[in-house]
Amino acid sequence: MQYIVTGGAGFVGSHLVDNLISKKSDVIVIDDLSTGKYVNSKSKFVKFDLRRPVSLSMPKGAGIFHLAANPNVRESMQDTQEHFDRDVKATFNVMEMARKADCQFVIFLSTSAVYGDPKRMPSKESDPVAPISNYAHFKLIGEGLLEFYARAYGLKTVSLRMANIIGKRSDHGVIVDFKKKLSHNPDILELLGDGTQKKSYIYISDAIDAITVAARKSRAGYSVLNVGSTDNISVREIAAILEKKMGLHPKHIFKDAGGGRGWKGDVKLMQLDISRIKALGWKPKFNSKQSVERAVDDILSD
């Protein structure tokens, strides 16, 4: 079996490539290195910008893991064209590549943010979707592309609505942001929002296991699967974990974008119902707090 990993030099993609290589798989990494750095030397690396129509010769029948995207939710509300190109145009080009190469499957990393401010928690895959950021909106358009290509061309496609993925090699997110701020000034920590935002976090190894299980065990046609932990944790709690491990007691100041949100488009509360992927044989090894503790250790050791 051959696999193609788009965004394979990024945070999640690089861990997925390592996992596939460890299982003796043939892996092709497609990345333009605009943000990614690490590339496993045992994979075949192709530097390519997926915003352009794919002119590459891909192996017939390969499996595609489509992880290439711009993950910065805040920036998506300002630089909309950049995010549209990387999150919609690139996904369309990948689906065309999958169609032409008669790929075995396409696994797409979507986001829990498609639910917007959820009507209930934990959110189920059948619940209404109402994105409040361009990032989530563009991911939802990507989901629509996968559904259409499954229906029109008979491809097996899966959209994974991921909780916040954290761990080694991450270069963005709340933990990285806090570490940078405290490294600059250990006496003051600025928290975006009012600190009561509560979201589900998943450690990178659990996320990779879920992605590979979805590839192996999801049904033919199109599937949507929530992936996350079975709880959530607040921004204040995350700050406390990092501060304790750094031995700091900074004064907290808050930058509220309105309604206790950290920025326009910030989902304040999130937790996912993961019954559907559990039925495929996957469940997280770590809850949100344990995931944060492990990710803090990873980031502090860098």
Protein backbone atom coordinates (compact mmCIF):
# COMPACT_ATOMS: atom_id res chain seq x y z
CA MET A 1 0.00 0.00 0.00
CA GLN A 2 1.23 3.44 -0.91
CA TYR A 3 0.13 6.58 0.88
CA ILE A 4 0.18 10.27 -0.01
CA VAL A 5 0.27 12.74 2.87
CA THR A 6 -0.41 16.35 1.94
CA GLY A 7 0.99 18.74 4.51
CA GLY A 8 3.30 15.93 5.56
CA ALA A 9 5.98 18.34 6.78
CA GLY A 10 3.60 20.02 9.23
CA PHE A 11 2.77 19.26 12.85
CA VAL A 12 0.17 16.51 12.46
CA GLY A 13 1.35 15.42 9.02
CA SER A 14 4.92 14.74 10.14
CA HIS A 15 3.70 12.51 12.98
CA LEU A 16 1.43 10.63 10.58
CA VAL A 17 4.31 10.10 8.16
CA ASP A 18 6.47 8.74 10.99
CA ASN A 19 3.67 6.35 11.96
CA LEU A 20 3.19 5.07 8.40
CA ILE A 21 6.94 4.69 7.85
CA SER A 22 7.23 2.70 11.09
CA LYS A 23 4.77 0.22 9.57
CA LYS A 24 7.00 -0.19 6.48
CA SER A 25 4.60 1.71 4.21
CA ASP A 26 5.64 3.64 1.10
CA VAL A 27 4.87 7.29 1.76
CA ILE A 28 4.87 10.31 -0.55
CA VAL A 29 4.87 13.67 1.22
CA ILE A 30 3.49 16.69 -0.64
CA ASP A 31 4.24 20.02 1.02
CA ASP A 32 5.32 23.48 -0.10
CA LEU A 33 7.28 24.03 3.14
CA SER A 34 5.57 27.38 3.68
CA THR A 35 5.20 26.49 7.35
CA GLY A 36 6.38 22.88 7.74
CA LYS A 37 9.97 21.87 8.41
CA TYR A 38 10.46 18.24 9.40
CA VAL A 39 10.50 15.60 6.66
CA ASN A 40 11.16 11.92 7.38
CA SER A 41 14.09 10.90 5.19
CA LYS A 42 12.50 7.50 4.52
CA SER A 43 9.57 9.11 2.72
CA LYS A 44 9.58 10.45 -0.82
CA PHE A 45 9.30 14.24 -0.60
CA VAL A 46 7.67 16.32 -3.32
CA LYS A 47 7.75 20.09 -2.88
CA PHE A 48 4.55 21.37 -4.46
CA ASP A 49 2.01 24.12 -3.82
CA LEU A 50 -1.44 22.49 -3.81
CA ARG A 51 -3.10 25.80 -4.60
CA ARG A 52 -2.03 25.00 -8.18
CA PRO A 53 -3.76 22.24 -10.16
CA VAL A 54 -1.93 19.01 -9.43
CA SER A 55 0.28 18.12 -12.38
CA LEU A 56 2.13 15.40 -10.49
CA SER A 57 2.09 11.77 -11.50
CA MET A 58 0.63 9.91 -8.53
CA PRO A 59 0.53 6.12 -8.07
CA LYS A 60 -2.78 4.49 -8.94
CA GLY A 61 -4.81 3.22 -6.00
CA ALA A 62 -2.87 5.02 -3.29
CA GLY A 63 -4.52 6.25 -0.10
CA ILE A 64 -4.52 10.01 0.48
CA PHE A 65 -4.37 11.73 3.84
CA HIS A 66 -5.19 15.38 3.13
CA LEU A 67 -3.76 17.46 5.98
CA ALA A 68 -2.45 20.50 4.09
CA ALA A 69 -4.15 23.68 5.35
CA ASN A 70 -3.61 26.98 7.06
CA PRO A 71 -4.55 26.24 10.71
CA ASN A 72 -4.60 29.81 12.01
CA VAL A 73 -8.23 30.49 12.90
CA ARG A 74 -7.65 34.11 13.93
CA GLU A 75 -5.90 35.01 10.67
CA SER A 76 -8.69 33.42 8.63
CA MET A 77 -10.95 36.29 9.62
CA GLN A 78 -8.60 38.85 8.03
CA ASP A 79 -6.62 37.16 5.25
CA THR A 80 -9.61 35.43 3.72
CA GLN A 81 -8.18 34.86 0.23
CA GLU A 82 -5.09 33.11 1.63
CA HIS A 83 -7.25 30.76 3.68
CA PHE A 84 -9.70 30.12 0.86
CA ASP A 85 -6.85 29.16 -1.45
CA ARG A 86 -5.15 26.86 1.04
CA ASP A 87 -8.29 25.34 2.54
CA VAL A 88 -10.72 25.17 -0.39
CA LYS A 89 -8.81 25.42 -3.66
CA ALA A 90 -6.15 23.00 -2.39
CA THR A 91 -8.80 20.50 -1.30
CA PHE A 92 -10.48 20.66 -4.70
CA ASN A 93 -7.13 20.02 -6.39
CA VAL A 94 -6.47 17.05 -4.09
CA MET A 95 -9.88 15.57 -4.88
CA GLU A 96 -9.15 15.89 -8.58
CA MET A 97 -5.85 14.11 -8.01
CA ALA A 98 -7.70 11.36 -6.11
CA ARG A 99 -10.26 10.98 -8.89
CA LYS A 100 -7.69 10.77 -11.67
CA ALA A 101 -5.48 8.32 -9.76
CA ASP A 102 -8.46 6.20 -8.63
CA CYS A 103 -7.26 6.48 -5.06
CA GLN A 104 -8.35 3.93 -2.47
CA PHE A 105 -9.48 6.58 0.01
CA VAL A 106 -9.18 10.24 0.99
CA ILE A 107 -9.02 11.12 4.69
CA PHE A 108 -9.62 14.83 5.29
CA LEU A 109 -8.76 16.63 8.51
CA SER A 110 -11.70 18.89 9.20
CA THR A 111 -12.41 20.62 12.50
CA SER A 112 -14.79 20.55 15.45
CA ALA A 113 -15.23 24.29 14.80
CA VAL A 114 -17.76 23.51 12.04
CA TYR A 115 -20.39 23.24 14.80
CA GLY A 116 -19.79 26.87 15.74
CA ASP A 117 -21.45 27.66 19.06
CA PRO A 118 -23.03 24.23 19.60
CA LYS A 119 -26.70 23.83 20.46
CA ARG A 120 -25.73 20.96 22.76
CA MET A 121 -22.61 19.27 24.07
CA PRO A 122 -21.20 16.85 23.38
CA SER A 123 -21.88 17.58 19.72
CA LYS A 124 -22.89 14.71 17.43
CA GLU A 125 -22.01 14.42 13.75
CA SER A 126 -25.72 14.75 12.94
CA ASP A 127 -26.04 18.08 14.78
CA PRO A 128 -26.44 21.35 12.85
CA VAL A 129 -23.25 23.00 11.59
CA ALA A 130 -22.91 26.79 11.81
CA PRO A 131 -19.29 27.96 11.50
CA ILE A 132 -18.36 31.32 13.03
CA SER A 133 -14.88 31.56 11.42
CA ASN A 134 -13.70 31.42 7.82
CA TYR A 135 -11.37 28.61 8.84
CA ALA A 136 -14.30 26.43 9.90
CA HIS A 137 -16.45 27.60 6.97
CA PHE A 138 -13.77 26.63 4.46
CA LYS A 139 -13.30 23.26 6.17
CA LEU A 140 -17.03 22.67 5.81
CA ILE A 141 -16.77 23.42 2.09
CA GLY A 142 -13.98 20.83 1.98
CA GLU A 143 -16.30 18.32 3.61
CA GLY A 144 -18.83 19.04 0.88
CA LEU A 145 -16.23 18.32 -1.78
CA LEU A 146 -15.43 14.95 -0.19
CA GLU A 147 -19.11 14.04 0.01
CA PHE A 148 -19.64 14.94 -3.64
CA TYR A 149 -16.62 13.01 -4.92
CA ALA A 150 -17.73 9.95 -2.96
CA ARG A 151 -21.23 10.18 -4.42
CA ALA A 152 -20.28 11.15 -7.98
CA TYR A 153 -17.11 9.12 -8.49
CA GLY A 154 -17.38 6.26 -6.01
CA LEU A 155 -14.40 7.28 -3.90
CA LYS A 156 -14.17 6.33 -0.23
CA THR A 157 -13.84 9.61 1.66
CA VAL A 158 -13.82 10.51 5.36
CA SER A 159 -14.04 13.90 7.08
CA LEU A 160 -12.54 13.87 10.58
CA ARG A 161 -13.87 16.68 12.76
CA MET A 162 -10.90 17.04 15.05
CA ALA A 163 -10.72 18.57 18.50
CA ASN A 164 -7.63 20.69 19.28
CA ILE A 165 -4.58 18.55 18.53
CA ILE A 166 -1.56 19.25 20.73
CA GLY A 167 1.91 17.82 21.31
CA LYS A 168 5.49 17.75 20.09
CA ARG A 169 6.32 19.83 16.98
CA SER A 170 3.27 22.07 17.35
CA ASP A 171 4.13 25.68 16.51
CA HIS A 172 0.80 27.34 17.30
CA GLY A 173 -2.07 27.17 19.76
CA VAL A 174 -2.71 28.25 23.32
CA ILE A 175 0.17 26.36 24.97
CA VAL A 176 2.76 27.63 22.50
CA ASP A 177 1.31 31.14 22.83
CA PHE A 178 1.52 31.05 26.62
CA LYS A 179 5.08 29.73 26.61
CA LYS A 180 6.22 32.51 24.27
CA LYS A 181 4.57 35.18 26.41
CA LEU A 182 5.99 33.85 29.68
CA SER A 183 9.45 33.45 28.17
CA HIS A 184 9.30 37.13 27.23
CA ASN A 185 7.82 38.32 30.55
CA PRO A 186 7.43 35.75 33.36
CA ASP A 187 5.52 38.21 35.56
CA ILE A 188 2.52 38.83 33.32
CA LEU A 189 0.45 36.45 31.21
CA GLU A 190 -2.11 37.79 28.74
CA LEU A 191 -5.05 35.44 28.20
CA LEU A 192 -7.17 35.95 25.11
CA GLY A 193 -10.83 36.00 26.07
CA ASP A 194 -12.00 35.77 29.68
CA GLY A 195 -10.22 32.47 30.37
CA THR A 196 -13.43 30.49 30.83
CA GLN A 197 -13.42 29.09 27.30
CA LYS A 198 -13.57 25.28 27.58
CA LYS A 199 -12.57 23.00 24.73
CA SER A 200 -11.59 19.41 24.13
CA TYR A 201 -7.91 18.62 23.51
CA ILE A 202 -6.40 15.49 22.01
CA TYR A 203 -2.77 14.43 22.24
CA ILE A 204 -0.96 13.90 18.96
CA SER A 205 -0.47 10.13 19.36
CA ASP A 206 -4.21 9.66 19.95
CA ALA A 207 -4.97 11.80 16.90
CA ILE A 208 -2.67 9.74 14.68
CA ASP A 209 -4.24 6.49 15.90
CA ALA A 210 -7.69 7.86 15.07
CA ILE A 211 -6.63 8.91 11.57
CA THR A 212 -5.22 5.47 10.75
CA VAL A 213 -8.23 3.67 12.23
CA ALA A 214 -10.54 5.80 10.07
CA ALA A 215 -8.53 4.83 6.98
CA ARG A 216 -8.72 1.13 7.80
CA LYS A 217 -12.19 0.71 9.19
CA SER A 218 -14.54 3.39 7.87
CA ARG A 219 -17.20 2.23 5.46
CA ALA A 220 -17.29 2.74 1.71
CA GLY A 221 -18.72 6.00 0.44
CA TYR A 222 -18.63 9.12 2.60
CA SER A 223 -18.27 9.26 6.39
CA VAL A 224 -18.05 12.02 9.01
CA LEU A 225 -16.37 11.21 12.32
CA ASN A 226 -15.79 13.31 15.42
CA VAL A 227 -12.35 12.83 16.98
CA GLY A 228 -11.52 14.15 20.44
CA SER A 229 -11.36 13.38 24.13
CA THR A 230 -14.41 12.75 26.29
CA ASP A 231 -14.08 15.97 28.29
CA ASN A 232 -12.85 19.55 27.99
CA ILE A 233 -10.59 21.98 29.85
CA SER A 234 -10.59 25.75 30.33
CA VAL A 235 -7.98 28.29 29.24
CA ARG A 236 -7.40 29.20 32.90
CA GLU A 237 -6.69 25.53 33.73
CA ILE A 238 -4.23 25.26 30.84
CA ALA A 239 -2.42 28.38 32.05
CA ALA A 240 -2.22 26.93 35.57
CA ILE A 241 -0.66 23.68 34.31
CA LEU A 242 2.01 25.53 32.33
CA GLU A 243 2.74 27.98 35.14
CA LYS A 244 3.18 25.16 37.64
CA LYS A 245 5.60 23.29 35.39
CA MET A 246 7.56 26.52 34.75
CA GLY A 247 7.53 27.46 38.44
CA LEU A 248 5.91 30.83 37.73
CA HIS A 249 3.09 32.86 39.32
CA PRO A 250 2.32 35.59 36.79
CA LYS A 251 -0.42 38.16 37.02
CA HIS A 252 -3.19 37.42 34.53
CA ILE A 253 -4.53 40.10 32.22
CA PHE A 254 -7.37 39.46 29.80
CA LYS A 255 -7.95 40.58 26.23
CA ASP A 256 -11.62 39.96 25.54
CA ALA A 257 -12.79 40.17 21.92
CA GLY A 258 -16.42 40.17 23.05
CA GLY A 259 -18.54 37.65 24.92
CA GLY A 260 -15.46 36.17 26.60
CA ARG A 261 -14.00 35.09 23.25
CA GLY A 262 -10.30 35.29 22.43
CA TRP A 263 -10.86 36.59 18.90
CA LYS A 264 -13.60 37.00 16.34
CA GLY A 265 -14.55 33.49 15.27
CA ASP A 266 -13.37 31.85 18.51
CA VAL A 267 -15.66 29.00 19.60
CA LYS A 268 -16.02 29.41 23.35
CA LEU A 269 -17.29 25.95 24.32
CA MET A 270 -16.60 22.65 22.58
CA GLN A 271 -16.87 18.96 23.36
CA LEU A 272 -17.54 16.16 20.92
CA ASP A 273 -19.57 12.98 21.01
CA ILE A 274 -17.10 10.35 19.76
CA SER A 275 -19.42 7.32 19.83
CA ARG A 276 -19.19 6.85 16.07
CA ILE A 277 -15.41 6.43 15.90
CA LYS A 278 -15.43 4.40 19.12
CA ALA A 279 -17.63 1.91 17.27
CA LEU A 280 -14.72 1.47 14.83
CA GLY A 281 -12.44 0.42 17.69
CA TRP A 282 -10.72 3.70 18.61
CA LYS A 283 -10.79 5.64 21.85
CA PRO A 284 -8.35 8.20 23.27
CA LYS A 285 -5.75 7.08 25.79
CA PHE A 286 -5.59 10.56 27.36
CA ASN A 287 -8.25 12.99 28.51
CA SER A 288 -7.96 16.73 27.89
CA LYS A 289 -5.99 17.49 31.07
CA GLN A 290 -3.56 14.61 30.49
CA SER A 291 -3.13 15.69 26.87
CA VAL A 292 -2.32 19.25 27.96
CA GLU A 293 0.16 18.02 30.59
CA ARG A 294 1.98 15.87 28.02
CA ALA A 295 1.97 18.67 25.43
CA VAL A 296 3.36 21.15 27.97
CA ASP A 297 6.19 18.74 28.76
CA ASP A 298 6.88 18.38 25.01
CA ILE A 299 6.94 22.13 24.41
CA LEU A 300 9.05 22.92 27.45
CA SER A 301 11.61 20.30 26.41
CA ASP A 302 12.08 21.82 22.93
